Amino acid sequence: MTRTTKECTPRVCSAAAEQHIHAYLVEVGAFGDAEMVLKAMEMLLSKAALGYGMLAGQVPVMDLLLRTSVNVAQRLEDMGIAPEAGARPQ
């Protein structure tokens, strides 16, 4: 495995994640279609969680997913998006 000269800071990782997620959505043909984006993001989250679990174990990945769900709920609340709402098409 080759090491990069970039630091693995939250800022660098966040920016890279956003770029890669956008590229992934474009590559799978989901970009611009809300329902397809939801399905593609679900797959991405599932694969990322599995990878994390393979390295850290079952309990740590469950803890990560719980902390992530709490963080997402708080961020959505801060943005004024109700728990039952969202941009999901009906």
Protein backbone atom coordinates (compact mmCIF):
# COMPACT_ATOMS: atom_id res chain seq x y z
CA MET A 1 0.00 0.00 0.00
CA THR A 2 1.39 3.37 -1.01
CA ARG A 3 1.23 6.27 1.42
CA THR A 4 0.20 9.67 0.16
CA THR A 5 1.76 12.97 1.14
CA LYS A 6 -1.68 14.35 2.10
CA GLU A 7 -2.69 14.22 5.72
CA CYS A 8 -5.76 12.23 6.67
CA THR A 9 -7.44 15.15 8.44
CA PRO A 10 -11.23 15.47 8.78
CA ARG A 11 -11.18 18.35 6.30
CA VAL A 12 -9.18 16.44 3.67
CA CYS A 13 -11.23 13.27 4.16
CA SER A 14 -14.54 15.16 3.97
CA ALA A 15 -13.58 16.91 0.74
CA ALA A 16 -12.36 13.67 -0.82
CA ALA A 17 -15.51 11.81 0.26
CA GLU A 18 -17.75 14.45 -1.32
CA GLN A 19 -15.80 14.29 -4.59
CA HIS A 20 -15.87 10.49 -4.67
CA ILE A 21 -19.57 10.28 -3.78
CA HIS A 22 -20.42 12.69 -6.61
CA ALA A 23 -18.28 10.68 -9.06
CA TYR A 24 -19.89 7.43 -7.84
CA LEU A 25 -23.41 8.77 -8.34
CA VAL A 26 -22.52 9.94 -11.84
CA GLU A 27 -20.81 6.63 -12.67
CA VAL A 28 -23.79 4.48 -11.62
CA GLY A 29 -26.23 6.78 -13.44
CA ALA A 30 -28.03 7.93 -10.30
CA PHE A 31 -27.07 11.62 -10.31
CA GLY A 32 -30.18 13.77 -10.80
CA ASP A 33 -32.68 11.00 -9.92
CA ALA A 34 -33.60 11.21 -6.22
CA GLU A 35 -34.89 7.64 -5.96
CA MET A 36 -31.79 6.22 -7.64
CA VAL A 37 -29.55 8.39 -5.45
CA LEU A 38 -31.21 6.93 -2.35
CA LYS A 39 -30.61 3.37 -3.57
CA ALA A 40 -27.02 4.08 -4.59
CA MET A 41 -26.26 5.82 -1.29
CA GLU A 42 -27.74 2.90 0.64
CA MET A 43 -25.38 0.54 -1.17
CA LEU A 44 -22.43 2.86 -0.53
CA LEU A 45 -23.24 3.09 3.18
CA SER A 46 -23.66 -0.68 3.42
CA LYS A 47 -20.33 -1.38 1.71
CA ALA A 48 -18.52 1.24 3.82
CA ALA A 49 -19.99 -0.18 7.03
CA LEU A 50 -19.00 -3.71 6.02
CA GLY A 51 -15.45 -2.56 5.29
CA TYR A 52 -15.27 -0.78 8.64
CA GLY A 53 -16.63 -3.86 10.38
CA MET A 54 -14.12 -6.14 8.71
CA LEU A 55 -11.30 -4.04 10.16
CA ALA A 56 -12.76 -3.01 13.52
CA GLY A 57 -15.29 -5.74 14.32
CA GLN A 58 -19.03 -6.03 14.79
CA VAL A 59 -19.46 -4.00 18.00
CA PRO A 60 -17.37 -1.03 16.79
CA VAL A 61 -19.29 -0.86 13.48
CA MET A 62 -22.61 -0.97 15.34
CA ASP A 63 -21.36 1.85 17.57
CA LEU A 64 -20.25 3.83 14.51
CA LEU A 65 -23.64 3.42 12.82
CA LEU A 66 -25.48 4.47 15.98
CA ARG A 67 -23.29 7.54 16.43
CA THR A 68 -23.71 8.35 12.74
CA SER A 69 -27.50 8.10 12.92
CA VAL A 70 -27.57 10.42 15.93
CA ASN A 71 -25.27 12.90 14.17
CA VAL A 72 -27.36 12.82 10.99
CA ALA A 73 -30.58 13.33 12.96
CA GLN A 74 -29.06 16.35 14.72
CA ARG A 75 -27.76 17.85 11.48
CA LEU A 76 -31.16 17.41 9.78
CA GLU A 77 -32.91 18.96 12.78
CA ASP A 78 -30.49 21.90 12.66
CA MET A 79 -31.44 22.35 8.98
CA GLY A 80 -35.13 22.34 9.90
CA ILE A 81 -35.89 19.01 8.23
CA ALA A 82 -38.52 17.11 10.21
CA PRO A 83 -37.84 13.43 11.07
CA GLU A 84 -40.56 12.17 8.74
CA ALA A 85 -39.70 14.63 5.97
CA GLY A 86 -36.81 14.86 3.59
CA ALA A 87 -36.33 15.26 -0.11
CA ARG A 88 -37.44 11.68 -0.82
CA PRO A 89 -39.89 11.56 -3.70
CA GLN A 90 -43.38 10.28 -2.83
